[in-house]
Protein backbone atom coordinates (compact mmCIF):
# COMPACT_ATOMS: atom_id res chain seq x y z
CA MET A 1 1.71 -20.41 -45.74
CA PRO A 2 -0.40 -23.50 -46.64
CA ILE A 3 -4.01 -23.31 -47.15
CA LYS A 4 -5.81 -24.00 -43.86
CA GLY A 5 -9.40 -24.35 -44.68
CA MET A 6 -12.23 -23.88 -47.28
CA HIS A 7 -15.23 -21.45 -47.27
CA SER A 8 -18.14 -22.55 -49.23
CA MET A 9 -21.40 -20.55 -49.98
CA PHE A 10 -25.05 -21.19 -50.88
CA TYR A 11 -26.75 -18.54 -52.91
CA SER A 12 -30.49 -18.33 -51.91
CA SER A 13 -33.56 -16.22 -52.60
CA GLU A 14 -34.23 -16.80 -48.81
CA ALA A 15 -30.93 -16.11 -47.29
CA LYS A 16 -32.09 -15.29 -43.88
CA GLN A 17 -34.36 -18.36 -43.76
CA LEU A 18 -31.55 -20.53 -45.03
CA ARG A 19 -29.11 -19.22 -42.21
CA LEU A 20 -31.67 -20.12 -39.73
CA PHE A 21 -32.39 -23.41 -41.18
CA LEU A 22 -28.64 -24.42 -41.07
CA ARG A 23 -28.36 -23.32 -37.49
CA ASP A 24 -31.73 -24.52 -36.01
CA LYS A 25 -32.45 -27.54 -38.02
CA LEU A 26 -29.21 -28.88 -38.96
CA GLY A 27 -27.57 -27.79 -35.71
CA LEU A 28 -24.62 -26.06 -37.39
CA ALA A 29 -22.69 -23.71 -35.03
CA ALA A 30 -22.24 -20.25 -36.38
CA THR A 31 -20.52 -16.88 -35.82
CA ASP A 32 -22.74 -13.61 -36.20
CA VAL A 33 -20.41 -11.35 -38.07
CA GLY A 34 -22.89 -8.66 -37.79
CA GLY A 35 -26.60 -8.03 -38.60
CA GLY A 36 -27.71 -11.78 -38.33
CA TRP A 37 -25.13 -12.59 -40.97
CA LEU A 38 -24.04 -16.11 -39.90
CA ILE A 39 -20.84 -17.68 -40.91
CA PHE A 40 -21.13 -21.67 -40.13
CA ASP A 41 -17.94 -23.14 -38.37
CA LEU A 42 -18.15 -26.71 -40.03
CA PRO A 43 -16.25 -29.48 -38.17
CA GLU A 44 -14.60 -31.14 -41.17
CA ALA A 45 -14.33 -30.60 -44.91
CA ASP A 46 -12.94 -32.45 -48.25
CA LEU A 47 -12.92 -31.54 -51.75
CA GLY A 48 -13.59 -33.87 -54.71
CA CYS A 49 -12.95 -33.11 -58.34
CA HIS A 50 -15.39 -34.99 -60.66
CA PRO A 51 -15.31 -35.37 -64.47
CA THR A 52 -18.24 -34.15 -66.48
CA ASP A 53 -20.18 -36.23 -68.77
CA ASP A 54 -22.57 -35.63 -71.70
CA ALA A 55 -25.33 -37.52 -70.18
CA GLY A 56 -27.14 -34.67 -68.49
CA GLY A 57 -24.75 -34.33 -65.53
CA PRO A 58 -23.39 -30.97 -64.18
CA ALA A 59 -21.78 -28.75 -66.74
CA SER A 60 -18.03 -28.15 -66.42
CA GLY A 61 -17.45 -25.16 -64.05
CA THR A 62 -20.10 -26.45 -61.57
CA CYS A 63 -19.57 -26.34 -57.71
CA ASP A 64 -21.59 -28.46 -55.54
CA VAL A 65 -21.85 -28.47 -51.72
CA SER A 66 -22.84 -31.76 -49.60
CA PHE A 67 -22.84 -32.70 -46.05
CA TYR A 68 -21.66 -36.11 -44.96
CA THR A 69 -22.36 -38.26 -41.89
CA ASP A 70 -21.12 -41.50 -40.15
CA ASP A 71 -24.69 -43.04 -40.01
CA ILE A 72 -27.14 -41.73 -42.78
CA GLU A 73 -30.33 -43.45 -41.08
CA VAL A 74 -29.81 -41.93 -37.61
CA THR A 75 -29.01 -38.45 -39.07
CA MET A 76 -32.01 -38.68 -41.17
CA ARG A 77 -34.43 -39.46 -38.44
CA GLU A 78 -32.88 -36.71 -36.19
CA LEU A 79 -33.10 -34.21 -38.85
CA GLU A 80 -36.66 -35.22 -39.95
CA SER A 81 -37.62 -34.87 -36.15
CA ARG A 82 -36.65 -31.29 -36.69
CA GLY A 83 -38.74 -30.78 -39.62
CA VAL A 84 -36.07 -31.36 -42.43
CA GLU A 85 -37.80 -32.82 -45.59
CA PHE A 86 -35.80 -35.34 -47.55
CA THR A 87 -36.59 -36.14 -51.21
CA SER A 88 -35.78 -39.93 -50.98
CA PRO A 89 -34.71 -42.70 -48.82
CA ALA A 90 -30.74 -43.20 -48.63
CA GLU A 91 -29.58 -45.11 -51.75
CA ASP A 92 -26.10 -46.81 -52.70
CA HIS A 93 -24.22 -44.92 -55.12
CA GLY A 94 -21.20 -46.77 -54.80
CA TYR A 95 -18.97 -44.06 -53.00
CA GLY A 96 -21.81 -43.82 -50.30
CA LEU A 97 -25.48 -43.95 -48.99
CA VAL A 98 -26.95 -40.84 -50.54
CA THR A 99 -30.03 -38.84 -50.19
CA HIS A 100 -31.07 -35.03 -50.52
CA PHE A 101 -32.85 -32.71 -48.51
CA LEU A 102 -34.69 -29.30 -49.13
CA ALA A 103 -33.81 -26.04 -47.67
CA PRO A 104 -35.15 -22.47 -48.13
CA GLY A 105 -34.55 -20.85 -51.35
CA GLY A 106 -35.09 -23.76 -53.62
CA LEU A 107 -31.94 -25.65 -52.29
CA LYS A 108 -31.71 -29.37 -52.85
CA ILE A 109 -28.60 -30.42 -50.90
CA GLN A 110 -26.90 -33.94 -50.72
CA LEU A 111 -26.48 -35.77 -47.46
CA TYR A 112 -24.28 -38.94 -47.62
CA GLN A 113 -22.59 -41.63 -45.45
CA PRO A 114 -19.24 -42.51 -47.17
CA LEU A 115 -18.45 -45.98 -48.03
CA TYR A 116 -14.79 -45.25 -48.25
CA SER A 117 -12.02 -44.78 -45.83
CA LYS A 118 -10.42 -41.34 -45.77
CA VAL A 119 -6.69 -40.84 -44.78
CA ALA A 120 -5.61 -37.41 -45.75
CA PRO A 121 -2.14 -36.46 -46.13
CA VAL A 122 -0.89 -33.90 -43.97
CA PRO A 123 1.31 -30.87 -45.56
CA VAL A 124 4.52 -30.71 -43.56
CA ALA A 125 6.42 -28.02 -45.66
CA MET A 126 6.47 -25.70 -48.53
CA GLU A 127 9.18 -25.68 -51.24
CA PRO A 128 10.12 -22.28 -52.29
CA PRO A 129 8.75 -21.16 -55.80
CA GLN A 130 10.96 -22.22 -58.75
CA GLU A 131 12.56 -19.20 -60.34
CA ASP A 132 12.16 -19.46 -63.94
CA SER A 133 11.38 -16.08 -65.50
CA ALA A 134 11.26 -17.45 -69.06
CA GLN A 135 8.25 -19.56 -68.00
CA THR A 136 6.48 -17.20 -65.69
CA GLU A 137 7.12 -13.75 -67.20
CA GLY A 138 3.90 -11.98 -68.19
CA LYS A 139 1.70 -15.16 -67.60
CA HIS A 140 1.40 -15.92 -64.02
CA GLU A 141 3.16 -16.04 -60.54
CA GLN A 142 4.30 -19.66 -59.39
CA ILE A 143 3.22 -20.08 -55.74
CA GLY A 144 5.30 -22.91 -54.86
CA LYS A 145 4.71 -26.56 -54.41
CA ILE A 146 3.21 -28.35 -51.11
CA VAL A 147 5.42 -31.28 -49.58
CA TRP A 148 2.98 -33.84 -48.17
CA GLN A 149 3.44 -36.45 -45.50
CA ASP A 150 1.55 -39.79 -46.09
CA LEU A 151 -0.04 -40.89 -42.88
CA THR A 152 -1.69 -44.03 -44.50
CA VAL A 153 -1.54 -46.87 -41.86
CA PRO A 154 -0.52 -50.26 -43.54
CA ASN A 155 -3.25 -52.91 -43.47
CA GLN A 156 -2.13 -55.39 -40.55
CA ASP A 157 -4.12 -58.48 -41.99
């Protein structure tokens, strides 16, 4: 069965306040799974794999979460009206217009407006795992290979 979503986490010394911030200030829908523990139902997700560099960037093994929007200026004004504090105006970083906002527990979270078009391939089938006991014996179990359908629309220009 293919992967159908992603669950990400923020660790915060102010977890309860962070949950309320995400619900009340960012307006994210959530399910209370008991005792006020909110799991947020995000509308869309993607995943990037970035190289590390030696110039003071994140260390290898670092995970990061950011939010994106279609119009960063409108979103920033709306969030500021709800009390969200931004650390800077939006700046062009090549891949998108980028800013960060502060959240309870000392979090600094990126918000950006992509400057790229996203056309994700859709998994259509799983090929069964290859049976090669010499390769996998005692090391790991091979899960299989996802077959993707490319839904890219050719440019009509």
